[in-house]
Amino acid sequence: MNLENLLHPAGVVATACAVTCLLRAFPFLLFGGGRKTPPCVEAFGRVISPLVIAGLLVYSYCGLECRLIAPWAAGVLTVGLQLAIRNALLSILGGTALYMTLLHFGV
């Protein structure tokens, strides 16, 4: 095997690793050391989860056939859980569990 065939993928992985580490460290560098977080960043943090879920729902329902109830019921549950408990992980898990259960039973 050619050395260039090994170095190119290794370089891509190393670059992706470095960029990921820098992006994850950036907020700590920017807002660390006892500095106050700006109100606009705090507001963004409050709305990002509902926006991500809304984007996923819109993407998921594009081209969806209306004869199936499972996707609609799971979407309603996901949005309802998010509005009620404000925990994105539990909302997504609940909606996914309902969707998979309804699909299993052919609804």
N, C-alpha and C. Protein backbone atom coordinates (compact mmCIF):
# COMPACT_ATOMS: atom_id res chain seq x y z
N MET A 1 0.84 -1.19 0.00
CA MET A 1 0.00 0.00 0.00
C MET A 1 0.89 1.25 0.00
N ASN A 2 0.47 2.24 -0.74
CA ASN A 2 1.21 3.48 -0.90
C ASN A 2 1.09 4.33 0.37
N LEU A 3 2.20 4.98 0.74
CA LEU A 3 2.22 5.82 1.96
C LEU A 3 1.24 6.99 1.83
N GLU A 4 1.10 7.52 0.63
CA GLU A 4 0.17 8.64 0.42
C GLU A 4 -1.27 8.21 0.68
N ASN A 5 -1.60 6.97 0.37
CA ASN A 5 -2.95 6.46 0.61
C ASN A 5 -3.25 6.37 2.11
N LEU A 6 -2.24 6.26 2.94
CA LEU A 6 -2.43 6.22 4.38
C LEU A 6 -2.40 7.61 5.01
N LEU A 7 -1.54 8.49 4.49
CA LEU A 7 -1.38 9.81 5.08
C LEU A 7 -2.57 10.73 4.83
N HIS A 8 -3.19 10.63 3.67
CA HIS A 8 -4.31 11.52 3.36
C HIS A 8 -5.49 11.30 4.33
N PRO A 9 -5.98 10.07 4.51
CA PRO A 9 -7.07 9.90 5.49
C PRO A 9 -6.66 10.26 6.91
N ALA A 10 -5.42 9.98 7.27
CA ALA A 10 -4.95 10.33 8.61
C ALA A 10 -4.94 11.85 8.79
N GLY A 11 -4.55 12.58 7.75
CA GLY A 11 -4.56 14.04 7.81
C GLY A 11 -5.96 14.61 7.91
N VAL A 12 -6.90 13.99 7.19
CA VAL A 12 -8.29 14.44 7.25
C VAL A 12 -8.85 14.22 8.66
N VAL A 13 -8.59 13.06 9.23
CA VAL A 13 -9.08 12.76 10.58
C VAL A 13 -8.43 13.69 11.60
N ALA A 14 -7.13 13.93 11.48
CA ALA A 14 -6.43 14.82 12.42
C ALA A 14 -6.96 16.25 12.32
N THR A 15 -7.22 16.71 11.11
CA THR A 15 -7.77 18.06 10.92
C THR A 15 -9.17 18.16 11.52
N ALA A 16 -10.01 17.17 11.27
CA ALA A 16 -11.36 17.18 11.83
C ALA A 16 -11.32 17.14 13.36
N CYS A 17 -10.39 16.39 13.91
CA CYS A 17 -10.24 16.31 15.36
C CYS A 17 -9.81 17.67 15.94
N ALA A 18 -8.86 18.30 15.29
CA ALA A 18 -8.36 19.60 15.77
C ALA A 18 -9.46 20.66 15.70
N VAL A 19 -10.21 20.70 14.60
CA VAL A 19 -11.27 21.69 14.45
C VAL A 19 -12.36 21.45 15.49
N THR A 20 -12.74 20.19 15.71
CA THR A 20 -13.76 19.86 16.71
C THR A 20 -13.32 20.29 18.10
N CYS A 21 -12.07 20.00 18.46
CA CYS A 21 -11.57 20.38 19.78
C CYS A 21 -11.56 21.90 19.95
N LEU A 22 -11.14 22.62 18.92
CA LEU A 22 -11.13 24.09 19.00
C LEU A 22 -12.53 24.67 19.11
N LEU A 23 -13.48 24.11 18.35
CA LEU A 23 -14.85 24.60 18.43
C LEU A 23 -15.48 24.34 19.79
N ARG A 24 -15.14 23.21 20.39
CA ARG A 24 -15.69 22.91 21.72
C ARG A 24 -15.02 23.74 22.81
N ALA A 25 -13.78 24.13 22.61
CA ALA A 25 -13.07 24.93 23.61
C ALA A 25 -13.41 26.42 23.48
N PHE A 26 -13.88 26.85 22.34
CA PHE A 26 -14.12 28.27 22.08
C PHE A 26 -15.04 28.94 23.11
N PRO A 27 -16.21 28.35 23.47
CA PRO A 27 -17.06 29.02 24.48
C PRO A 27 -16.37 29.18 25.83
N PHE A 28 -15.56 28.18 26.21
CA PHE A 28 -14.86 28.29 27.50
C PHE A 28 -13.80 29.38 27.46
N LEU A 29 -13.15 29.52 26.31
CA LEU A 29 -12.17 30.58 26.17
C LEU A 29 -12.84 31.95 26.12
N LEU A 30 -14.00 32.02 25.49
CA LEU A 30 -14.69 33.29 25.31
C LEU A 30 -15.41 33.75 26.58
N PHE A 31 -16.08 32.82 27.29
CA PHE A 31 -16.90 33.19 28.44
C PHE A 31 -16.36 32.66 29.76
N GLY A 32 -15.19 32.06 29.77
CA GLY A 32 -14.63 31.51 31.01
C GLY A 32 -13.97 32.58 31.86
N GLY A 33 -13.44 32.18 32.99
CA GLY A 33 -12.71 33.11 33.85
C GLY A 33 -13.59 34.07 34.61
N GLY A 34 -14.83 33.69 34.88
CA GLY A 34 -15.70 34.55 35.67
C GLY A 34 -16.38 35.66 34.89
N ARG A 35 -16.20 35.70 33.57
CA ARG A 35 -16.87 36.73 32.77
C ARG A 35 -18.36 36.42 32.66
N LYS A 36 -19.16 37.46 32.60
CA LYS A 36 -20.61 37.31 32.50
C LYS A 36 -21.00 36.96 31.06
N THR A 37 -21.89 35.97 30.94
CA THR A 37 -22.39 35.58 29.62
C THR A 37 -23.36 36.64 29.12
N PRO A 38 -23.20 37.11 27.88
CA PRO A 38 -24.11 38.13 27.35
C PRO A 38 -25.56 37.62 27.29
N PRO A 39 -26.52 38.52 27.49
CA PRO A 39 -27.93 38.12 27.46
C PRO A 39 -28.36 37.49 26.13
N CYS A 40 -27.78 37.95 25.02
CA CYS A 40 -28.16 37.38 23.73
C CYS A 40 -27.74 35.92 23.62
N VAL A 41 -26.61 35.55 24.21
CA VAL A 41 -26.17 34.15 24.20
C VAL A 41 -27.07 33.31 25.08
N GLU A 42 -27.47 33.84 26.24
CA GLU A 42 -28.39 33.11 27.11
C GLU A 42 -29.74 32.92 26.44
N ALA A 43 -30.22 33.94 25.74
CA ALA A 43 -31.50 33.82 25.03
C ALA A 43 -31.40 32.78 23.92
N PHE A 44 -30.29 32.77 23.22
CA PHE A 44 -30.08 31.78 22.16
C PHE A 44 -30.08 30.37 22.75
N GLY A 45 -29.48 30.20 23.91
CA GLY A 45 -29.45 28.90 24.55
C GLY A 45 -30.83 28.40 24.96
N ARG A 46 -31.74 29.32 25.24
CA ARG A 46 -33.10 28.93 25.62
C ARG A 46 -33.93 28.50 24.43
N VAL A 47 -33.67 29.04 23.24
CA VAL A 47 -34.52 28.75 22.09
C VAL A 47 -33.93 27.72 21.12
N ILE A 48 -32.70 27.31 21.31
CA ILE A 48 -32.07 26.43 20.32
C ILE A 48 -32.72 25.05 20.27
N SER A 49 -33.06 24.46 21.42
CA SER A 49 -33.67 23.12 21.41
C SER A 49 -35.01 23.10 20.69
N PRO A 50 -35.94 24.02 21.00
CA PRO A 50 -37.20 24.01 20.24
C PRO A 50 -37.00 24.26 18.74
N LEU A 51 -36.03 25.10 18.39
CA LEU A 51 -35.78 25.36 16.97
C LEU A 51 -35.24 24.13 16.26
N VAL A 52 -34.36 23.40 16.91
CA VAL A 52 -33.81 22.18 16.32
C VAL A 52 -34.91 21.14 16.13
N ILE A 53 -35.77 20.97 17.14
CA ILE A 53 -36.87 20.01 17.03
C ILE A 53 -37.83 20.43 15.92
N ALA A 54 -38.14 21.72 15.82
CA ALA A 54 -39.02 22.20 14.75
C ALA A 54 -38.40 21.94 13.38
N GLY A 55 -37.12 22.19 13.26
CA GLY A 55 -36.44 21.90 11.99
C GLY A 55 -36.47 20.44 11.63
N LEU A 56 -36.26 19.57 12.61
CA LEU A 56 -36.33 18.13 12.36
C LEU A 56 -37.73 17.69 11.95
N LEU A 57 -38.74 18.27 12.59
CA LEU A 57 -40.12 17.92 12.23
C LEU A 57 -40.45 18.36 10.81
N VAL A 58 -40.08 19.57 10.45
CA VAL A 58 -40.36 20.06 9.10
C VAL A 58 -39.64 19.20 8.07
N TYR A 59 -38.39 18.87 8.32
CA TYR A 59 -37.63 18.03 7.40
C TYR A 59 -38.25 16.63 7.30
N SER A 60 -38.68 16.10 8.44
CA SER A 60 -39.22 14.74 8.46
C SER A 60 -40.57 14.65 7.74
N TYR A 61 -41.37 15.71 7.79
CA TYR A 61 -42.70 15.67 7.20
C TYR A 61 -42.73 16.06 5.73
N CYS A 62 -41.61 16.46 5.15
CA CYS A 62 -41.58 16.78 3.72
C CYS A 62 -41.79 15.50 2.92
N GLY A 63 -42.82 15.47 2.10
CA GLY A 63 -43.11 14.31 1.27
C GLY A 63 -43.74 13.15 2.02
N LEU A 64 -44.25 13.39 3.21
CA LEU A 64 -44.85 12.34 4.03
C LEU A 64 -46.26 12.05 3.56
N GLU A 65 -46.60 10.77 3.49
CA GLU A 65 -47.96 10.39 3.12
C GLU A 65 -48.87 10.54 4.33
N CYS A 66 -50.05 11.09 4.12
CA CYS A 66 -50.96 11.38 5.23
C CYS A 66 -51.69 10.15 5.75
N ARG A 67 -51.58 9.00 5.09
CA ARG A 67 -52.34 7.83 5.52
C ARG A 67 -51.77 7.18 6.78
N LEU A 68 -50.53 7.49 7.14
CA LEU A 68 -49.93 6.91 8.33
C LEU A 68 -50.13 7.84 9.53
N ILE A 69 -50.52 7.27 10.66
CA ILE A 69 -50.74 8.08 11.85
C ILE A 69 -49.49 8.16 12.72
N ALA A 70 -48.60 7.18 12.62
CA ALA A 70 -47.43 7.10 13.51
C ALA A 70 -46.57 8.37 13.49
N PRO A 71 -46.19 8.90 12.31
CA PRO A 71 -45.33 10.09 12.33
C PRO A 71 -46.02 11.31 12.94
N TRP A 72 -47.32 11.46 12.68
CA TRP A 72 -48.04 12.62 13.21
C TRP A 72 -48.18 12.52 14.72
N ALA A 73 -48.52 11.33 15.21
CA ALA A 73 -48.67 11.15 16.65
C ALA A 73 -47.34 11.35 17.37
N ALA A 74 -46.26 10.83 16.78
CA ALA A 74 -44.94 10.99 17.39
C ALA A 74 -44.52 12.45 17.38
N GLY A 75 -44.84 13.17 16.33
CA GLY A 75 -44.51 14.59 16.27
C GLY A 75 -45.26 15.40 17.31
N VAL A 76 -46.55 15.10 17.47
CA VAL A 76 -47.35 15.79 18.48
C VAL A 76 -46.81 15.50 19.87
N LEU A 77 -46.47 14.23 20.14
CA LEU A 77 -45.92 13.88 21.45
C LEU A 77 -44.59 14.58 21.69
N THR A 78 -43.72 14.61 20.68
CA THR A 78 -42.41 15.25 20.83
C THR A 78 -42.56 16.73 21.16
N VAL A 79 -43.39 17.41 20.41
CA VAL A 79 -43.61 18.85 20.66
C VAL A 79 -44.27 19.05 22.03
N GLY A 80 -45.25 18.22 22.36
CA GLY A 80 -45.92 18.35 23.65
C GLY A 80 -44.97 18.13 24.82
N LEU A 81 -44.13 17.10 24.71
CA LEU A 81 -43.16 16.86 25.77
C LEU A 81 -42.16 18.01 25.90
N GLN A 82 -41.75 18.55 24.77
CA GLN A 82 -40.80 19.66 24.81
C GLN A 82 -41.42 20.88 25.47
N LEU A 83 -42.67 21.15 25.15
CA LEU A 83 -43.34 22.30 25.77
C LEU A 83 -43.60 22.07 27.25
N ALA A 84 -43.85 20.82 27.64
CA ALA A 84 -44.18 20.52 29.03
C ALA A 84 -42.95 20.42 29.92
N ILE A 85 -41.93 19.67 29.48
CA ILE A 85 -40.81 19.41 30.38
C ILE A 85 -39.52 20.11 29.98
N ARG A 86 -39.48 20.65 28.76
CA ARG A 86 -38.32 21.41 28.28
C ARG A 86 -37.01 20.62 28.39
N ASN A 87 -37.07 19.35 28.00
CA ASN A 87 -35.88 18.51 27.97
C ASN A 87 -35.83 17.86 26.60
N ALA A 88 -34.90 18.32 25.76
CA ALA A 88 -34.85 17.87 24.37
C ALA A 88 -34.61 16.37 24.27
N LEU A 89 -33.73 15.83 25.11
CA LEU A 89 -33.42 14.41 25.04
C LEU A 89 -34.66 13.56 25.35
N LEU A 90 -35.37 13.89 26.42
CA LEU A 90 -36.57 13.12 26.76
C LEU A 90 -37.67 13.30 25.72
N SER A 91 -37.78 14.48 25.16
CA SER A 91 -38.79 14.73 24.13
C SER A 91 -38.53 13.87 22.90
N ILE A 92 -37.28 13.86 22.45
CA ILE A 92 -36.93 13.09 21.26
C ILE A 92 -37.06 11.60 21.54
N LEU A 93 -36.61 11.15 22.70
CA LEU A 93 -36.74 9.73 23.05
C LEU A 93 -38.20 9.31 23.14
N GLY A 94 -39.04 10.14 23.74
CA GLY A 94 -40.46 9.81 23.84
C GLY A 94 -41.13 9.71 22.48
N GLY A 95 -40.87 10.69 21.63
CA GLY A 95 -41.44 10.66 20.28
C GLY A 95 -40.94 9.48 19.47
N THR A 96 -39.66 9.17 19.59
CA THR A 96 -39.10 8.03 18.86
C THR A 96 -39.69 6.72 19.36
N ALA A 97 -39.83 6.59 20.69
CA ALA A 97 -40.40 5.36 21.25
C ALA A 97 -41.85 5.17 20.78
N LEU A 98 -42.65 6.25 20.78
CA LEU A 98 -44.02 6.14 20.30
C LEU A 98 -44.05 5.77 18.82
N TYR A 99 -43.21 6.40 18.03
CA TYR A 99 -43.16 6.13 16.59
C TYR A 99 -42.82 4.68 16.31
N MET A 100 -41.79 4.18 16.98
CA MET A 100 -41.37 2.80 16.74
C MET A 100 -42.44 1.82 17.24
N THR A 101 -43.11 2.13 18.34
CA THR A 101 -44.17 1.26 18.85
C THR A 101 -45.34 1.21 17.87
N LEU A 102 -45.75 2.37 17.37
CA LEU A 102 -46.86 2.41 16.42
C LEU A 102 -46.50 1.70 15.11
N LEU A 103 -45.28 1.86 14.65
CA LEU A 103 -44.85 1.15 13.45
C LEU A 103 -44.83 -0.35 13.66
N HIS A 104 -44.43 -0.78 14.85
CA HIS A 104 -44.40 -2.21 15.16
C HIS A 104 -45.78 -2.83 15.07
N PHE A 105 -46.79 -2.08 15.51
CA PHE A 105 -48.16 -2.57 15.48
C PHE A 105 -48.88 -2.22 14.18
N GLY A 106 -48.18 -1.61 13.23
CA GLY A 106 -48.75 -1.34 11.91
C GLY A 106 -49.73 -0.20 11.84
N VAL A 107 -49.62 0.75 12.74
CA VAL A 107 -50.55 1.89 12.75
C VAL A 107 -50.04 2.97 11.85
